[in-house]
Structures are given as C-alpha cells and as structure tokens.
Protein backbone atom coordinates (compact mmCIF):
# COMPACT_ATOMS: atom_id res chain seq x y z
CA MET A 1 5.78 -9.59 8.27
CA ARG A 2 5.18 -12.84 6.41
CA VAL A 3 3.71 -13.58 3.01
CA HIS A 4 2.04 -16.93 2.38
CA CYS A 5 1.06 -17.96 -1.16
CA HIS A 6 -1.51 -20.69 -1.71
CA PRO A 7 -1.44 -21.61 -5.43
CA GLY A 8 -4.18 -24.22 -5.09
CA THR A 9 -6.72 -21.56 -4.15
CA ASP A 10 -4.99 -18.65 -5.97
CA SER A 11 -4.77 -16.90 -2.62
CA ILE A 12 -2.18 -14.90 -0.73
CA VAL A 13 -2.06 -13.97 2.96
CA ILE A 14 0.02 -11.03 4.12
CA HIS A 15 0.59 -11.31 7.86
CA LEU A 16 1.57 -7.87 9.15
CA ARG A 17 1.98 -8.60 12.86
CA ASP A 18 0.83 -10.94 15.58
CA GLY A 19 -2.68 -10.24 16.77
CA ALA A 20 -5.44 -11.85 18.75
CA LYS A 21 -8.27 -13.20 16.64
CA GLY A 22 -10.98 -10.61 16.58
CA ILE A 23 -12.96 -8.85 13.89
CA VAL A 24 -13.04 -10.18 10.34
CA GLY A 25 -14.15 -7.93 7.51
CA GLU A 26 -14.65 -8.96 3.92
CA ILE A 27 -14.60 -6.92 0.74
CA ILE A 28 -16.21 -8.74 -2.15
CA GLY A 29 -15.99 -7.47 -5.68
CA GLU A 30 -16.64 -8.91 -9.11
CA ASP A 31 -13.04 -10.13 -9.48
CA LEU A 32 -11.65 -9.57 -5.99
CA ASN A 33 -12.30 -11.02 -2.54
CA VAL A 34 -10.27 -9.48 0.30
CA VAL A 35 -10.53 -10.60 3.92
CA LEU A 36 -9.20 -8.31 6.66
CA HIS A 37 -8.34 -9.64 10.11
CA CYS A 38 -8.31 -7.10 12.94
CA ASP A 39 -7.82 -7.36 16.66
CA ASP A 40 -10.48 -6.08 19.06
CA ALA A 41 -8.91 -2.59 18.94
CA GLY A 42 -9.43 -2.52 15.17
CA THR A 43 -5.75 -2.85 14.21
CA ILE A 44 -5.29 -4.92 11.04
CA TYR A 45 -2.86 -7.79 11.61
CA ASP A 46 -3.28 -9.62 8.32
CA PHE A 47 -5.22 -9.66 5.11
CA GLU A 48 -5.96 -12.20 2.43
CA VAL A 49 -6.67 -11.93 -1.26
CA VAL A 50 -8.71 -15.05 -1.98
CA GLY A 51 -9.24 -16.64 -5.37
CA SER A 52 -7.63 -13.92 -7.46
CA ALA A 53 -4.13 -13.34 -6.08
CA SER A 54 -2.49 -13.98 -9.46
CA LYS A 55 -4.56 -11.12 -10.92
CA VAL A 56 -3.58 -8.71 -8.15
CA PHE A 57 0.04 -9.64 -7.39
CA ASP A 58 3.08 -10.47 -9.52
CA LEU A 59 3.67 -13.86 -7.91
CA GLU A 60 6.83 -14.47 -9.95
CA ARG A 61 8.93 -12.29 -7.64
CA LEU A 62 8.98 -10.54 -4.30
CA GLU A 63 11.25 -7.59 -3.67
CA VAL A 64 11.95 -5.74 -0.44
CA GLU A 65 13.54 -2.40 -1.17
CA VAL A 66 14.29 -1.03 2.29
CA LEU A 67 14.20 -2.68 5.70
CA PRO A 68 13.88 -0.48 8.80
CA VAL A 69 17.08 0.09 10.77
CA GLY A 70 17.77 -2.88 13.02
CA VAL A 71 15.67 -5.31 10.98
CA SER A 72 17.40 -8.03 9.04
CA PRO A 73 16.03 -10.63 6.65
CA SER A 74 15.03 -13.77 8.51
CA ALA A 75 16.21 -17.20 7.50
CA HIS A 76 13.71 -19.23 5.47
CA ARG A 77 11.61 -21.47 7.67
CA GLU A 78 8.71 -23.67 6.87
CA SER A 79 5.34 -22.69 8.27
CA ASN A 80 2.60 -24.97 9.53
CA THR A 81 -0.12 -22.45 8.68
CA GLY A 82 -2.35 -22.78 5.67
C-alpha cells in the first residue's frame, strides 16, 4: 500500500494494490470529492480524495499500528506518479 499526498491540489491517493485500469467511480459531495478506481472484477485498487484532503486527513502525521506477519516497512523511494 502506498499513500501519495499532493499539497498543490489538496489531494491524497491511497494505492491499495496493483490493478489493471478499469472502472472509475466518483462520489461528489458539498465538501468532498472521492474517486474510486476498480479493476474489471470490481475490486478497488486505489482511491483519491481530491481537493479536500486536508479536511479529511491529518496530513501532519501517518501512523501504522500493526503490519501483517511477514510484512516489513519498505525503504523510502521516490515515485514518478502524480
């Protein structure tokens, strides 16, 4: 799982798993715009909160409380996405 913050657009993308581009759904509210990306089987592989991430998330910190057995924190690496 990867989390990408985009301060310039006040957006955050939470990438849950790799998935083939497929269905895109959008939830639009008065103060919230959420975009869901699903594969053709309907499995969500990432979602975005666009334009209001700072209202939804505490962007000052990120905590991971428990990692599944056999999963270790990855080393920081720069991403070319977004």
